[in-house]
Amino acid sequence: MNLTMTIDSKILKQARKAAMERHVSLTSLVRGYLQQLASQETDQAKRTAQALKASFARNRRKIGRISWSREDLHAR
């Protein structure tokens, strides 16, 4: 997939220099950063879910199937 971005020329120059120092392309450098960012977000979501499950377990609550519908919640 292609991506078009507008980047300040000073930042772009610094990024190209960083890529050259690492002997990688700018595309590879950006791809690696985005992969790392996405992985961190996924890891954080997993840790949050695990903490929630642990909290339910400590408080003896079950996480199960939803047995109610939206209409049930809003019934008058």
PDB file of N, CA and C in Angstrom:
ATOM      1  N   MET A   1       0.850  -1.165   0.000  1.00  0.00           N
ATOM      2  CA  MET A   1       0.000   0.000   0.000  1.00  0.00           C
ATOM      3  C   MET A   1       0.902   1.236   0.000  1.00  0.00           C
ATOM      4  N   ASN A   2       0.519   2.211  -0.748  1.00  0.00           N
ATOM      5  CA  ASN A   2       1.284   3.453  -0.804  1.00  0.00           C
ATOM      6  C   ASN A   2       0.676   4.487   0.119  1.00  0.00           C
ATOM      7  N   LEU A   3       1.514   5.395   0.588  1.00  0.00           N
ATOM      8  CA  LEU A   3       1.085   6.447   1.497  1.00  0.00           C
ATOM      9  C   LEU A   3       1.761   7.741   1.070  1.00  0.00           C
ATOM     10  N   THR A   4       0.995   8.798   0.992  1.00  0.00           N
ATOM     11  CA  THR A   4       1.551  10.109   0.665  1.00  0.00           C
ATOM     12  C   THR A   4       1.468  10.975   1.908  1.00  0.00           C
ATOM     13  N   MET A   5       2.591  11.605   2.250  1.00  0.00           N
ATOM     14  CA  MET A   5       2.640  12.431   3.455  1.00  0.00           C
ATOM     15  C   MET A   5       3.291  13.762   3.137  1.00  0.00           C
ATOM     16  N   THR A   6       2.948  14.756   3.918  1.00  0.00           N
ATOM     17  CA  THR A   6       3.614  16.051   3.847  1.00  0.00           C
ATOM     18  C   THR A   6       4.444  16.186   5.116  1.00  0.00           C
ATOM     19  N   ILE A   7       5.755  16.354   4.924  1.00  0.00           N
ATOM     20  CA  ILE A   7       6.678  16.420   6.054  1.00  0.00           C
ATOM     21  C   ILE A   7       7.547  17.660   5.904  1.00  0.00           C
ATOM     22  N   ASP A   8       7.774  18.341   6.998  1.00  0.00           N
ATOM     23  CA  ASP A   8       8.644  19.504   7.018  1.00  0.00           C
ATOM     24  C   ASP A   8      10.009  19.112   6.455  1.00  0.00           C
ATOM     25  N   SER A   9      10.576  19.947   5.617  1.00  0.00           N
ATOM     26  CA  SER A   9      11.845  19.619   4.946  1.00  0.00           C
ATOM     27  C   SER A   9      12.981  19.369   5.936  1.00  0.00           C
ATOM     28  N   LYS A  10      13.000  20.091   7.047  1.00  0.00           N
ATOM     29  CA  LYS A  10      14.055  19.898   8.045  1.00  0.00           C
ATOM     30  C   LYS A  10      13.935  18.505   8.680  1.00  0.00           C
ATOM     31  N   ILE A  11      12.713  18.107   9.004  1.00  0.00           N
ATOM     32  CA  ILE A  11      12.482  16.773   9.596  1.00  0.00           C
ATOM     33  C   ILE A  11      12.833  15.690   8.591  1.00  0.00           C
ATOM     34  N   LEU A  12      12.447  15.894   7.320  1.00  0.00           N
ATOM     35  CA  LEU A  12      12.741  14.909   6.283  1.00  0.00           C
ATOM     36  C   LEU A  12      14.249  14.742   6.107  1.00  0.00           C
ATOM     37  N   LYS A  13      14.967  15.832   6.134  1.00  0.00           N
ATOM     38  CA  LYS A  13      16.432  15.776   5.996  1.00  0.00           C
ATOM     39  C   LYS A  13      17.048  14.986   7.160  1.00  0.00           C
ATOM     40  N   GLN A  14      16.562  15.238   8.380  1.00  0.00           N
ATOM     41  CA  GLN A  14      17.072  14.523   9.553  1.00  0.00           C
ATOM     42  C   GLN A  14      16.716  13.031   9.479  1.00  0.00           C
ATOM     43  N   ALA A  15      15.529  12.737   9.011  1.00  0.00           N
ATOM     44  CA  ALA A  15      15.102  11.335   8.896  1.00  0.00           C
ATOM     45  C   ALA A  15      15.932  10.599   7.850  1.00  0.00           C
ATOM     46  N   ARG A  16      16.189  11.239   6.735  1.00  0.00           N
ATOM     47  CA  ARG A  16      17.043  10.621   5.703  1.00  0.00           C
ATOM     48  C   ARG A  16      18.444  10.353   6.248  1.00  0.00           C
ATOM     49  N   LYS A  17      18.956  11.305   7.017  1.00  0.00           N
ATOM     50  CA  LYS A  17      20.284  11.133   7.618  1.00  0.00           C
ATOM     51  C   LYS A  17      20.272   9.945   8.585  1.00  0.00           C
ATOM     52  N   ALA A  18      19.223   9.846   9.401  1.00  0.00           N
ATOM     53  CA  ALA A  18      19.112   8.724  10.343  1.00  0.00           C
ATOM     54  C   ALA A  18      19.043   7.400   9.597  1.00  0.00           C
ATOM     55  N   ALA A  19      18.316   7.366   8.499  1.00  0.00           N
ATOM     56  CA  ALA A  19      18.210   6.139   7.701  1.00  0.00           C
ATOM     57  C   ALA A  19      19.567   5.768   7.106  1.00  0.00           C
ATOM     58  N   MET A  20      20.288   6.752   6.596  1.00  0.00           N
ATOM     59  CA  MET A  20      21.611   6.489   6.025  1.00  0.00           C
ATOM     60  C   MET A  20      22.566   5.949   7.087  1.00  0.00           C
ATOM     61  N   GLU A  21      22.519   6.517   8.288  1.00  0.00           N
ATOM     62  CA  GLU A  21      23.400   6.073   9.369  1.00  0.00           C
ATOM     63  C   GLU A  21      23.109   4.618   9.765  1.00  0.00           C
ATOM     64  N   ARG A  22      21.862   4.191   9.578  1.00  0.00           N
ATOM     65  CA  ARG A  22      21.471   2.812   9.915  1.00  0.00           C
ATOM     66  C   ARG A  22      21.584   1.872   8.712  1.00  0.00           C
ATOM     67  N   HIS A  23      21.985   2.430   7.570  1.00  0.00           N
ATOM     68  CA  HIS A  23      22.135   1.665   6.334  1.00  0.00           C
ATOM     69  C   HIS A  23      20.818   1.022   5.911  1.00  0.00           C
ATOM     70  N   VAL A  24      19.747   1.787   6.017  1.00  0.00           N
ATOM     71  CA  VAL A  24      18.425   1.339   5.572  1.00  0.00           C
ATOM     72  C   VAL A  24      17.774   2.463   4.772  1.00  0.00           C
ATOM     73  N   SER A  25      16.735   2.116   4.043  1.00  0.00           N
ATOM     74  CA  SER A  25      16.009   3.141   3.299  1.00  0.00           C
ATOM     75  C   SER A  25      15.085   3.904   4.250  1.00  0.00           C
ATOM     76  N   LEU A  26      14.680   5.074   3.823  1.00  0.00           N
ATOM     77  CA  LEU A  26      13.739   5.862   4.614  1.00  0.00           C
ATOM     78  C   LEU A  26      12.419   5.099   4.749  1.00  0.00           C
ATOM     79  N   THR A  27      12.008   4.433   3.685  1.00  0.00           N
ATOM     80  CA  THR A  27      10.788   3.627   3.728  1.00  0.00           C
ATOM     81  C   THR A  27      10.893   2.543   4.793  1.00  0.00           C
ATOM     82  N   SER A  28      12.025   1.878   4.836  1.00  0.00           N
ATOM     83  CA  SER A  28      12.238   0.823   5.821  1.00  0.00           C
ATOM     84  C   SER A  28      12.228   1.377   7.244  1.00  0.00           C
ATOM     85  N   LEU A  29      12.827   2.539   7.417  1.00  0.00           N
ATOM     86  CA  LEU A  29      12.867   3.173   8.730  1.00  0.00           C
ATOM     87  C   LEU A  29      11.450   3.524   9.203  1.00  0.00           C
ATOM     88  N   VAL A  30      10.660   4.115   8.329  1.00  0.00           N
ATOM     89  CA  VAL A  30       9.283   4.493   8.674  1.00  0.00           C
ATOM     90  C   VAL A  30       8.442   3.246   8.915  1.00  0.00           C
ATOM     91  N   ARG A  31       8.577   2.246   8.047  1.00  0.00           N
ATOM     92  CA  ARG A  31       7.828   0.998   8.215  1.00  0.00           C
ATOM     93  C   ARG A  31       8.144   0.359   9.568  1.00  0.00           C
ATOM     94  N   GLY A  32       9.401   0.311   9.920  1.00  0.00           N
ATOM     95  CA  GLY A  32       9.807  -0.270  11.200  1.00  0.00           C
ATOM     96  C   GLY A  32       9.215   0.481  12.380  1.00  0.00           C
ATOM     97  N   TYR A  33       9.227   1.801  12.297  1.00  0.00           N
ATOM     98  CA  TYR A  33       8.653   2.615  13.372  1.00  0.00           C
ATOM     99  C   TYR A  33       7.153   2.357  13.501  1.00  0.00           C
ATOM    100  N   LEU A  34       6.455   2.314  12.373  1.00  0.00           N
ATOM    101  CA  LEU A  34       5.005   2.088  12.414  1.00  0.00           C
ATOM    102  C   LEU A  34       4.674   0.689  12.926  1.00  0.00           C
ATOM    103  N   GLN A  35       5.477  -0.302  12.551  1.00  0.00           N
ATOM    104  CA  GLN A  35       5.269  -1.657  13.067  1.00  0.00           C
ATOM    105  C   GLN A  35       5.456  -1.689  14.580  1.00  0.00           C
ATOM    106  N   GLN A  36       6.486  -1.020  15.052  1.00  0.00           N
ATOM    107  CA  GLN A  36       6.752  -0.967  16.491  1.00  0.00           C
ATOM    108  C   GLN A  36       5.611  -0.265  17.224  1.00  0.00           C
ATOM    109  N   LEU A  37       5.128   0.818  16.677  1.00  0.00           N
ATOM    110  CA  LEU A  37       4.020   1.564  17.275  1.00  0.00           C
ATOM    111  C   LEU A  37       2.755   0.707  17.333  1.00  0.00           C
ATOM    112  N   ALA A  38       2.444   0.038  16.249  1.00  0.00           N
ATOM    113  CA  ALA A  38       1.249  -0.814  16.203  1.00  0.00           C
ATOM    114  C   ALA A  38       1.376  -1.965  17.194  1.00  0.00           C
ATOM    115  N   SER A  39       2.566  -2.527  17.302  1.00  0.00           N
ATOM    116  CA  SER A  39       2.809  -3.629  18.234  1.00  0.00           C
ATOM    117  C   SER A  39       2.625  -3.171  19.674  1.00  0.00           C
ATOM    118  N   GLN A  40       3.112  -1.985  19.987  1.00  0.00           N
ATOM    119  CA  GLN A  40       2.961  -1.446  21.347  1.00  0.00           C
ATOM    120  C   GLN A  40       1.493  -1.241  21.679  1.00  0.00           C
ATOM    121  N   GLU A  41       0.727  -0.743  20.723  1.00  0.00           N
ATOM    122  CA  GLU A  41      -0.706  -0.527  20.938  1.00  0.00           C
ATOM    123  C   GLU A  41      -1.402  -1.859  21.187  1.00  0.00           C
ATOM    124  N   THR A  42      -1.041  -2.880  20.402  1.00  0.00           N
ATOM    125  CA  THR A  42      -1.629  -4.206  20.564  1.00  0.00           C
ATOM    126  C   THR A  42      -1.256  -4.784  21.918  1.00  0.00           C
ATOM    127  N   ASP A  43       0.002  -4.649  22.300  1.00  0.00           N
ATOM    128  CA  ASP A  43       0.455  -5.155  23.593  1.00  0.00           C
ATOM    129  C   ASP A  43      -0.270  -4.467  24.741  1.00  0.00           C
ATOM    130  N   GLN A  44      -0.468  -3.164  24.624  1.00  0.00           N
ATOM    131  CA  GLN A  44      -1.175  -2.410  25.664  1.00  0.00           C
ATOM    132  C   GLN A  44      -2.619  -2.882  25.770  1.00  0.00           C
ATOM    133  N   ALA A  45      -3.256  -3.111  24.645  1.00  0.00           N
ATOM    134  CA  ALA A  45      -4.647  -3.587  24.662  1.00  0.00           C
ATOM    135  C   ALA A  45      -4.731  -4.967  25.317  1.00  0.00           C
ATOM    136  N   LYS A  46      -3.749  -5.836  25.033  1.00  0.00           N
ATOM    137  CA  LYS A  46      -3.737  -7.164  25.650  1.00  0.00           C
ATOM    138  C   LYS A  46      -3.529  -7.061  27.158  1.00  0.00           C
ATOM    139  N   ARG A  47      -2.605  -6.194  27.586  1.00  0.00           N
ATOM    140  CA  ARG A  47      -2.367  -6.021  29.020  1.00  0.00           C
ATOM    141  C   ARG A  47      -3.609  -5.477  29.718  1.00  0.00           C
ATOM    142  N   THR A  48      -4.298  -4.566  29.080  1.00  0.00           N
ATOM    143  CA  THR A  48      -5.519  -3.997  29.658  1.00  0.00           C
ATOM    144  C   THR A  48      -6.589  -5.069  29.794  1.00  0.00           C
ATOM    145  N   ALA A  49      -6.765  -5.897  28.773  1.00  0.00           N
ATOM    146  CA  ALA A  49      -7.757  -6.969  28.820  1.00  0.00           C
ATOM    147  C   ALA A  49      -7.406  -7.977  29.911  1.00  0.00           C
ATOM    148  N   GLN A  50      -6.122  -8.325  30.035  1.00  0.00           N
ATOM    149  CA  GLN A  50      -5.695  -9.262  31.068  1.00  0.00           C
ATOM    150  C   GLN A  50      -5.938  -8.685  32.459  1.00  0.00           C
ATOM    151  N   ALA A  51      -5.664  -7.408  32.635  1.00  0.00           N
ATOM    152  CA  ALA A  51      -5.889  -6.775  33.935  1.00  0.00           C
ATOM    153  C   ALA A  51      -7.373  -6.761  34.273  1.00  0.00           C
ATOM    154  N   LEU A  52      -8.220  -6.530  33.285  1.00  0.00           N
ATOM    155  CA  LEU A  52      -9.659  -6.537  33.509  1.00  0.00           C
ATOM    156  C   LEU A  52     -10.138  -7.936  33.894  1.00  0.00           C
ATOM    157  N   LYS A  53      -9.644  -8.953  33.195  1.00  0.00           N
ATOM    158  CA  LYS A  53     -10.016 -10.332  33.523  1.00  0.00           C
ATOM    159  C   LYS A  53      -9.558 -10.699  34.926  1.00  0.00           C
ATOM    160  N   ALA A  54      -8.353 -10.284  35.284  1.00  0.00           N
ATOM    161  CA  ALA A  54      -7.838 -10.564  36.632  1.00  0.00           C
ATOM    162  C   ALA A  54      -8.689  -9.880  37.685  1.00  0.00           C
ATOM    163  N   SER A  55      -9.135  -8.664  37.394  1.00  0.00           N
ATOM    164  CA  SER A  55      -9.990  -7.935  38.319  1.00  0.00           C
ATOM    165  C   SER A  55     -11.316  -8.652  38.520  1.00  0.00           C
ATOM    166  N   PHE A  56     -11.894  -9.135  37.427  1.00  0.00           N
ATOM    167  CA  PHE A  56     -13.145  -9.887  37.538  1.00  0.00           C
ATOM    168  C   PHE A  56     -12.933 -11.161  38.348  1.00  0.00           C
ATOM    169  N   ALA A  57     -11.802 -11.825  38.129  1.00  0.00           N
ATOM    170  CA  ALA A  57     -11.519 -13.068  38.863  1.00  0.00           C
ATOM    171  C   ALA A  57     -11.364 -12.787  40.357  1.00  0.00           C
ATOM    172  N   ARG A  58     -10.638 -11.722  40.701  1.00  0.00           N
ATOM    173  CA  ARG A  58     -10.453 -11.368  42.110  1.00  0.00           C
ATOM    174  C   ARG A  58     -11.781 -11.053  42.783  1.00  0.00           C
ATOM    175  N   ASN A  59     -12.672 -10.461  42.034  1.00  0.00           N
ATOM    176  CA  ASN A  59     -13.964 -10.063  42.584  1.00  0.00           C
ATOM    177  C   ASN A  59     -15.063 -11.090  42.306  1.00  0.00           C
ATOM    178  N   ARG A  60     -14.634 -12.256  41.877  1.00  0.00           N
ATOM    179  CA  ARG A  60     -15.536 -13.381  41.614  1.00  0.00           C
ATOM    180  C   ARG A  60     -16.669 -13.037  40.646  1.00  0.00           C
ATOM    181  N   ARG A  61     -16.316 -12.370  39.590  1.00  0.00           N
ATOM    182  CA  ARG A  61     -17.277 -12.032  38.547  1.00  0.00           C
ATOM    183  C   ARG A  61     -16.924 -12.831  37.306  1.00  0.00           C
ATOM    184  N   LYS A  62     -17.949 -13.272  36.606  1.00  0.00           N
ATOM    185  CA  LYS A  62     -17.728 -14.026  35.381  1.00  0.00           C
ATOM    186  C   LYS A  62     -17.910 -13.121  34.172  1.00  0.00           C
ATOM    187  N   ILE A  63     -17.066 -13.352  33.202  1.00  0.00           N
ATOM    188  CA  ILE A  63     -17.240 -12.682  31.918  1.00  0.00           C
ATOM    189  C   ILE A  63     -17.811 -13.752  31.001  1.00  0.00           C
ATOM    190  N   GLY A  64     -19.009 -13.564  30.565  1.00  0.00           N
ATOM    191  CA  GLY A  64     -19.643 -14.580  29.733  1.00  0.00           C
ATOM    192  C   GLY A  64     -20.403 -13.964  28.585  1.00  0.00           C
ATOM    193  N   ARG A  65     -21.244 -14.780  28.029  1.00  0.00           N
ATOM    194  CA  ARG A  65     -22.050 -14.318  26.904  1.00  0.00           C
ATOM    195  C   ARG A  65     -23.046 -13.263  27.374  1.00  0.00           C
ATOM    196  N   ILE A  66     -23.347 -12.372  26.486  1.00  0.00           N
ATOM    197  CA  ILE A  66     -24.349 -11.359  26.783  1.00  0.00           C
ATOM    198  C   ILE A  66     -25.716 -12.018  26.656  1.00  0.00           C
ATOM    199  N   SER A  67     -26.506 -11.937  27.712  1.00  0.00           N
ATOM    200  CA  SER A  67     -27.805 -12.594  27.707  1.00  0.00           C
ATOM    201  C   SER A  67     -28.943 -11.588  27.579  1.00  0.00           C
ATOM    202  N   TRP A  68     -28.597 -10.365  27.247  1.00  0.00           N
ATOM    203  CA  TRP A  68     -29.616  -9.336  27.133  1.00  0.00           C
ATOM    204  C   TRP A  68     -29.439  -8.635  25.799  1.00  0.00           C
ATOM    205  N   SER A  69     -30.474  -7.984  25.379  1.00  0.00           N
ATOM    206  CA  SER A  69     -30.402  -7.234  24.117  1.00  0.00           C
ATOM    207  C   SER A  69     -30.444  -5.747  24.413  1.00  0.00           C
ATOM    208  N   ARG A  70     -30.167  -4.988  23.434  1.00  0.00           N
ATOM    209  CA  ARG A  70     -30.227  -3.536  23.590  1.00  0.00           C
ATOM    210  C   ARG A  70     -31.638  -3.102  23.976  1.00  0.00           C
ATOM    211  N   GLU A  71     -32.617  -3.764  23.374  1.00  0.00           N
ATOM    212  CA  GLU A  71     -34.016  -3.439  23.680  1.00  0.00           C
ATOM    213  C   GLU A  71     -34.330  -3.721  25.137  1.00  0.00           C
ATOM    214  N   ASP A  72     -33.765  -4.817  25.689  1.00  0.00           N
ATOM    215  CA  ASP A  72     -33.984  -5.140  27.105  1.00  0.00           C
ATOM    216  C   ASP A  72     -33.486  -4.002  27.993  1.00  0.00           C
ATOM    217  N   LEU A  73     -32.341  -3.460  27.666  1.00  0.00           N
ATOM    218  CA  LEU A  73     -31.762  -2.389  28.472  1.00  0.00           C
ATOM    219  C   LEU A  73     -32.589  -1.116  28.431  1.00  0.00           C
ATOM    220  N   HIS A  74     -33.239  -0.893  27.308  1.00  0.00           N
ATOM    221  CA  HIS A  74     -33.976   0.349  27.126  1.00  0.00           C
ATOM    222  C   HIS A  74     -35.492   0.164  27.261  1.00  0.00           C
ATOM    223  N   ALA A  75     -35.917  -1.004  27.720  1.00  0.00           N
ATOM    224  CA  ALA A  75     -37.342  -1.253  27.893  1.00  0.00           C
ATOM    225  C   ALA A  75     -37.896  -0.332  28.980  1.00  0.00           C
ATOM    226  N   ARG A  76     -39.068   0.153  28.764  1.00  0.00           N
ATOM    227  CA  ARG A  76     -39.659   1.086  29.741  1.00  0.00           C
ATOM    228  C   ARG A  76     -40.790   0.441  30.449  1.00  0.00           C
TER     229      ARG A  76
END
